[in-house]
Protein backbone atom coordinates (compact mmCIF):
# COMPACT_ATOMS: atom_id res chain seq x y z
CA MET A 1 -11.10 242.20 -33.75
CA GLY A 2 -8.91 243.61 -36.41
CA TYR A 3 -7.97 240.83 -38.48
CA ALA A 4 -7.90 237.16 -38.85
CA HIS A 5 -4.59 235.44 -40.52
CA VAL A 6 -5.37 231.83 -41.48
CA ARG A 7 -3.45 229.59 -43.50
CA VAL A 8 -4.95 227.97 -46.85
CA THR A 9 -3.53 224.87 -49.03
CA ASP A 10 -3.87 226.56 -52.36
CA LEU A 11 -3.23 230.42 -52.51
CA ALA A 12 -4.43 230.70 -55.94
CA GLU A 13 -7.84 229.01 -55.16
CA ALA A 14 -7.90 230.89 -51.90
CA LYS A 15 -7.51 234.32 -53.64
CA ASP A 16 -10.29 233.21 -56.04
CA HIS A 17 -12.57 232.68 -52.98
CA TYR A 18 -11.92 235.68 -51.09
CA ALA A 19 -11.66 238.16 -53.72
CA ASN A 20 -14.33 236.69 -56.46
CA THR A 21 -17.10 235.09 -54.20
CA MET A 22 -16.52 237.15 -51.15
CA GLY A 23 -15.56 240.19 -52.89
CA LEU A 24 -12.69 241.34 -50.63
CA TYR A 25 -10.48 243.91 -51.89
CA GLN A 26 -6.82 242.78 -52.07
CA THR A 27 -4.58 245.74 -50.69
CA LEU A 28 -1.00 243.85 -50.68
CA GLU A 29 0.48 240.62 -51.73
CA GLN A 30 4.02 239.76 -50.43
CA ASP A 31 6.23 236.96 -48.87
CA GLY A 32 3.67 234.30 -49.53
CA ARG A 33 0.78 236.15 -48.01
CA VAL A 34 -2.10 238.03 -49.28
CA TYR A 35 -3.92 240.92 -47.19
CA TYR A 36 -7.67 242.02 -48.00
CA LYS A 37 -10.16 244.52 -46.77
CA GLY A 38 -13.86 244.65 -46.95
CA TRP A 39 -15.45 247.39 -48.73
CA ASP A 40 -16.62 249.45 -45.53
CA GLU A 41 -13.55 248.71 -43.74
CA TRP A 42 -10.90 251.78 -43.63
CA ASP A 43 -7.86 250.14 -42.09
CA HIS A 44 -5.12 248.75 -44.43
CA HIS A 45 -6.50 244.67 -44.04
CA SER A 46 -8.81 242.66 -41.92
CA VAL A 47 -7.93 239.06 -43.51
CA VAL A 48 -4.66 237.76 -44.29
CA LEU A 49 -4.10 234.57 -46.16
CA GLU A 50 -0.80 232.41 -45.83
CA GLU A 51 -0.23 229.19 -48.02
CA GLY A 52 0.90 226.21 -46.06
CA GLY A 53 -2.06 224.16 -44.27
CA VAL A 54 -5.17 225.19 -42.87
CA GLY A 55 -6.56 226.87 -39.76
CA VAL A 56 -5.76 230.09 -37.73
CA VAL A 57 -2.00 231.54 -37.52
CA LYS A 58 -3.39 234.58 -35.50
CA PHE A 59 -6.17 237.31 -34.54
CA GLY A 60 -5.15 240.93 -33.99
CA PHE A 61 -7.02 243.29 -31.83
CA LYS A 62 -7.38 246.93 -32.30
CA VAL A 63 -7.47 249.21 -29.17
CA GLU A 64 -8.25 252.98 -29.36
CA TYR A 65 -5.26 254.20 -27.71
CA GLU A 66 -1.63 253.45 -27.54
CA ALA A 67 -1.57 253.57 -23.94
CA ASP A 68 -4.04 250.95 -24.02
CA LEU A 69 -1.47 248.44 -24.89
CA ASP A 70 0.60 249.09 -21.40
CA VAL A 71 -2.81 248.09 -19.49
CA ILE A 72 -3.52 245.20 -21.50
CA GLU A 73 0.01 243.90 -21.17
CA LYS A 74 -0.09 244.32 -17.32
CA LYS A 75 -3.61 242.74 -17.20
CA ALA A 76 -2.10 239.65 -19.35
CA GLN A 77 0.81 239.27 -17.12
CA GLN A 78 -1.58 239.47 -14.20
CA PHE A 79 -3.39 236.75 -15.48
CA GLY A 80 -0.48 234.55 -15.83
CA LEU A 81 0.10 234.98 -19.81
CA THR A 82 3.63 235.29 -21.16
CA VAL A 83 3.44 238.63 -23.41
CA GLU A 84 6.19 239.87 -25.61
CA ARG A 85 6.37 242.90 -27.61
CA MET A 86 5.95 243.39 -31.41
CA SER A 87 7.37 246.29 -33.35
CA ALA A 88 5.90 248.09 -36.15
CA GLY A 89 5.94 246.47 -39.39
CA GLU A 90 6.18 243.00 -38.42
CA ASN A 91 2.92 243.08 -39.54
CA PRO A 92 2.66 245.22 -42.82
CA GLU A 93 0.98 248.39 -42.11
CA VAL A 94 0.27 247.69 -38.28
CA SER A 95 1.53 249.53 -35.69
CA ASP A 96 3.80 248.16 -32.57
CA GLY A 97 1.89 246.04 -30.01
CA ILE A 98 1.84 242.89 -27.94
CA ARG A 99 1.37 239.43 -28.56
CA PHE A 100 0.37 236.63 -26.35
CA ILE A 101 -0.86 232.92 -26.33
CA THR A 102 -4.00 232.31 -24.84
CA PRO A 103 -5.11 229.24 -22.64
CA SER A 104 -6.54 227.99 -25.87
CA GLU A 105 -3.21 228.09 -27.47
CA HIS A 106 -4.21 230.64 -29.95
CA VAL A 107 -1.85 233.56 -30.88
CA LEU A 108 -3.54 237.17 -30.29
CA GLU A 109 -1.58 240.14 -31.31
CA VAL A 110 -2.98 243.70 -29.83
CA TYR A 111 -2.04 246.56 -31.67
CA HIS A 112 -3.27 250.51 -31.71
CA GLY A 113 -2.84 251.47 -35.68
CA GLN A 114 -3.19 250.44 -39.21
CA THR A 115 -2.47 252.28 -42.26
CA VAL A 116 -5.87 253.90 -43.33
CA ILE A 117 -6.75 253.64 -46.69
CA GLY A 118 -10.44 254.57 -46.55
CA THR A 119 -13.66 252.68 -47.49
CA GLU A 120 -14.75 252.04 -51.04
CA VAL A 121 -17.32 254.91 -50.67
CA GLY A 122 -15.19 257.53 -49.05
CA THR A 123 -16.31 259.80 -46.15
CA HIS A 124 -17.45 262.85 -48.41
CA ASN A 125 -20.88 262.60 -49.40
CA PRO A 126 -20.62 258.72 -49.43
CA ASP A 127 -23.19 256.51 -51.28
CA ALA A 128 -24.71 253.34 -49.56
CA PHE A 129 -22.49 250.96 -51.10
CA PRO A 130 -19.87 250.73 -53.87
CA ARG A 131 -21.47 250.52 -57.46
CA HIS A 132 -19.54 247.59 -58.77
CA LEU A 133 -19.63 245.07 -55.86
CA VAL A 134 -18.04 241.91 -56.53
CA GLY A 135 -19.44 238.42 -55.49
CA VAL A 136 -21.13 238.50 -52.07
CA GLY A 137 -19.53 241.98 -51.31
CA VAL A 138 -19.21 241.57 -47.66
CA PRO A 139 -18.41 245.06 -45.92
CA ALA A 140 -16.44 243.88 -43.08
CA LEU A 141 -14.94 241.02 -40.78
CA ASP A 142 -17.29 240.46 -38.15
CA HIS A 143 -16.36 237.77 -35.67
CA ALA A 144 -14.69 234.37 -34.79
CA LEU A 145 -15.35 231.33 -33.24
CA ILE A 146 -12.43 229.37 -31.57
CA LEU A 147 -12.27 226.16 -29.79
CA ALA A 148 -10.58 225.35 -26.29
CA GLU A 149 -10.54 223.00 -23.76
CA ASP A 150 -11.65 225.37 -20.67
CA VAL A 151 -14.37 227.68 -21.89
CA ARG A 152 -14.58 229.28 -18.48
CA LEU A 153 -10.93 230.05 -18.67
CA MET A 154 -11.14 231.94 -22.02
CA GLU A 155 -13.93 233.70 -20.75
CA ASN A 156 -12.38 234.78 -17.57
CA MET A 157 -9.47 235.72 -19.56
CA PHE A 158 -11.26 237.91 -22.31
CA ARG A 159 -13.04 239.33 -19.25
CA GLU A 160 -9.95 240.43 -17.46
CA VAL A 161 -7.39 241.14 -19.99
CA PHE A 162 -9.82 242.95 -22.83
CA ASP A 163 -12.63 243.98 -20.40
CA TYR A 164 -15.09 241.65 -22.76
CA PHE A 165 -18.48 240.34 -21.32
CA PRO A 166 -20.48 237.65 -22.10
CA THR A 167 -23.64 237.89 -23.87
CA GLU A 168 -24.58 234.27 -24.57
CA ARG A 169 -23.49 231.05 -22.96
CA VAL A 170 -24.08 227.24 -23.04
CA GLN A 171 -23.84 225.95 -19.49
CA THR A 172 -24.91 222.68 -17.84
CA ASP A 173 -26.92 224.24 -15.08
CA LEU A 174 -28.74 227.71 -15.68
CA ASN A 175 -29.20 228.94 -12.29
CA ASP A 176 -25.71 227.95 -11.20
CA ASP A 177 -22.75 230.12 -12.82
CA ASP A 178 -20.05 227.78 -11.22
CA ALA A 179 -21.71 224.86 -13.43
CA HIS A 180 -19.79 223.56 -16.33
CA PHE A 181 -19.25 226.15 -19.26
CA ILE A 182 -19.72 224.75 -23.14
CA ALA A 183 -19.61 227.71 -24.94
CA SER A 184 -19.41 231.51 -24.45
CA TRP A 185 -20.23 234.36 -26.69
CA MET A 186 -18.53 237.66 -25.89
CA THR A 187 -17.95 241.32 -27.00
CA SER A 188 -16.81 244.77 -25.73
CA ASN A 189 -19.61 246.97 -27.23
CA ASN A 190 -22.89 246.58 -28.82
CA GLN A 191 -21.88 244.33 -31.65
CA ILE A 192 -23.65 241.06 -30.37
CA HIS A 193 -20.15 239.13 -30.43
CA GLN A 194 -16.82 239.53 -31.53
CA ILE A 195 -15.51 236.36 -30.11
CA ALA A 196 -16.71 233.03 -29.34
CA VAL A 197 -15.38 230.00 -27.43
CA LEU A 198 -16.54 226.50 -28.04
CA GLU A 199 -15.27 223.63 -25.88
CA GLY A 200 -13.21 221.28 -27.81
CA GLU A 201 -9.54 220.84 -29.15
CA GLN A 202 -6.75 223.58 -28.43
CA ALA A 203 -5.83 226.10 -30.99
CA LYS A 204 -8.38 225.26 -33.40
CA LEU A 205 -10.47 227.46 -35.54
CA HIS A 206 -14.20 226.77 -36.13
CA HIS A 207 -15.23 229.82 -38.45
CA PHE A 208 -14.18 233.39 -38.84
CA ALA A 209 -17.56 235.32 -39.98
CA PHE A 210 -18.08 238.29 -42.36
CA LYS A 211 -20.87 240.91 -41.88
CA LEU A 212 -23.91 241.34 -44.18
CA GLN A 213 -26.92 243.90 -43.41
CA ASP A 214 -30.04 241.27 -43.51
CA TRP A 215 -31.99 238.47 -44.69
CA ASN A 216 -32.02 239.92 -48.21
CA GLU A 217 -28.31 239.99 -48.37
CA VAL A 218 -28.11 236.51 -46.74
CA GLY A 219 -30.34 234.87 -49.31
CA ARG A 220 -28.21 236.58 -52.25
CA ALA A 221 -24.84 235.58 -50.69
CA ALA A 222 -26.77 231.51 -50.85
CA ASP A 223 -27.31 232.41 -54.55
CA ILE A 224 -23.58 233.61 -55.13
CA MET A 225 -21.98 230.42 -53.39
CA THR A 226 -24.35 228.16 -55.54
CA MET A 227 -23.13 230.03 -58.86
CA ASP A 228 -19.44 229.68 -57.46
CA ASP A 229 -19.70 225.82 -56.34
CA VAL A 230 -18.99 226.89 -52.63
CA PRO A 231 -19.68 223.97 -50.48
CA ILE A 232 -22.47 225.11 -48.12
CA ASP A 233 -22.40 223.56 -44.47
CA ILE A 234 -25.71 225.15 -43.21
CA GLY A 235 -28.28 227.60 -44.23
CA PRO A 236 -29.47 229.97 -44.96
CA THR A 237 -31.00 230.03 -41.44
CA ARG A 238 -31.31 231.71 -37.85
CA HIS A 239 -29.46 231.25 -35.10
CA GLY A 240 -31.47 230.99 -31.51
CA ILE A 241 -28.07 232.15 -29.98
CA THR A 242 -27.25 235.99 -30.85
CA ARG A 243 -30.68 236.02 -33.14
CA GLY A 244 -28.22 236.21 -35.98
CA GLN A 245 -29.16 235.36 -39.67
CA THR A 246 -26.49 232.90 -41.24
CA ILE A 247 -24.91 230.83 -43.73
CA TYR A 248 -22.05 228.36 -42.97
CA PHE A 249 -19.83 227.36 -45.79
CA PHE A 250 -16.07 226.46 -46.56
CA ASP A 251 -13.30 227.83 -48.38
CA PRO A 252 -11.57 225.96 -50.91
CA SER A 253 -8.83 224.83 -48.08
CA GLY A 254 -11.73 223.54 -45.79
CA ASN A 255 -11.58 226.59 -43.45
CA ARG A 256 -15.25 227.47 -42.48
CA ASN A 257 -16.47 231.01 -43.27
CA GLU A 258 -19.83 232.30 -42.34
CA VAL A 259 -21.83 235.41 -43.27
CA PHE A 260 -23.70 236.81 -40.56
CA ALA A 261 -26.54 239.65 -40.41
CA GLY A 262 -28.85 240.69 -37.52
CA GLY A 263 -28.37 240.18 -33.97
CA TYR A 264 -29.56 242.27 -30.85
CA PRO A 265 -27.55 245.17 -29.71
CA ALA A 266 -25.14 244.09 -26.36
CA TYR A 267 -25.22 246.03 -23.22
CA ARG A 268 -23.03 245.53 -20.19
CA ASP A 269 -26.06 245.36 -18.07
CA ARG A 270 -28.18 243.35 -20.04
CA PRO A 271 -28.59 239.75 -18.51
CA ILE A 272 -26.60 236.89 -20.29
CA ASN A 273 -28.88 234.54 -22.59
CA LYS A 274 -27.94 231.14 -21.13
CA TRP A 275 -28.77 227.85 -22.74
CA THR A 276 -28.60 224.29 -21.47
CA PRO A 277 -26.72 221.58 -23.65
CA ASP A 278 -30.07 219.93 -24.73
CA GLN A 279 -31.40 222.99 -26.53
CA ILE A 280 -27.74 223.61 -28.24
CA ALA A 281 -29.28 222.52 -31.64
CA LYS A 282 -31.90 224.97 -31.61
CA GLY A 283 -29.63 227.68 -30.28
CA ILE A 284 -27.25 227.12 -33.13
CA PHE A 285 -30.06 226.30 -35.70
CA TYR A 286 -33.02 227.76 -34.69
CA HIS A 287 -35.51 226.35 -37.61
CA ALA A 288 -34.13 222.73 -38.08
CA ARG A 289 -33.29 222.31 -34.44
CA GLU A 290 -30.62 219.67 -35.02
CA LEU A 291 -26.95 219.86 -35.90
CA ASN A 292 -25.19 218.07 -38.71
CA GLU A 293 -22.16 215.77 -38.09
CA ARG A 294 -19.93 218.39 -40.19
CA PHE A 295 -20.83 221.73 -37.88
CA THR A 296 -19.50 219.65 -34.53
CA ALA A 297 -16.74 217.56 -36.08
CA VAL A 298 -15.10 219.62 -38.61
CA TYR A 299 -12.61 222.47 -37.55
CA THR A 300 -9.38 223.69 -38.76
């Protein structure tokens, strides 16, 4: 996942949250949109804020080679999706690519290049982190959880079009992969998940998440959020699913964010971790083993 482009109700409030609390670096502001990157990201941006509502506008996914675009375009068409080409510059500092709408009605863009502006520590004898981090000081975008009416269809789409594989899944029968899928966590590399899909209303965003290093950074993030009066949804706690350490919280517009650390390395030949619906509370919040109403009912 290269970028998350989301709507906010008040751009000034959102800028304060993402720049001063989360510690993202602003790289551009134009046409009512603001672009950010984390300190350890080298491409121009990973988060785009656009004033005018809430929820996700689109996600961008970066491929390694330009030729990959043709491959993915063909796979998407074979899956039954309508694909359009996008030109370089349609998104500032982003190459040409393709765009399609998923079965869940989310817009995905696929591109091969973005202007490289470098990490905040550089590549020549770099330090471990920037000396003057702001707020939480998140290094990078990590993943997103979206909602869809048909989780199985979305898992199949990511598998067939992007060559993703599931690492964790909630299904009604653990021994029957023809059972009903309630949620799926997917990736294409060793990252435990890059995208997750939960059964729910089409085109909605549950959260998008930023990477942190460990428990200590998660705990410090909670302290910063308290200082800045950020509404915390859940945490700090641990997931059973993915084993990640987490805090869920809201930006000023009501979009849910997460900071996420830990997790185990993903491999294609590792068996999928499967959960039954009666254990989903333990899967999501391993310590409390119960879901709060906001977590299941609030999305944008």
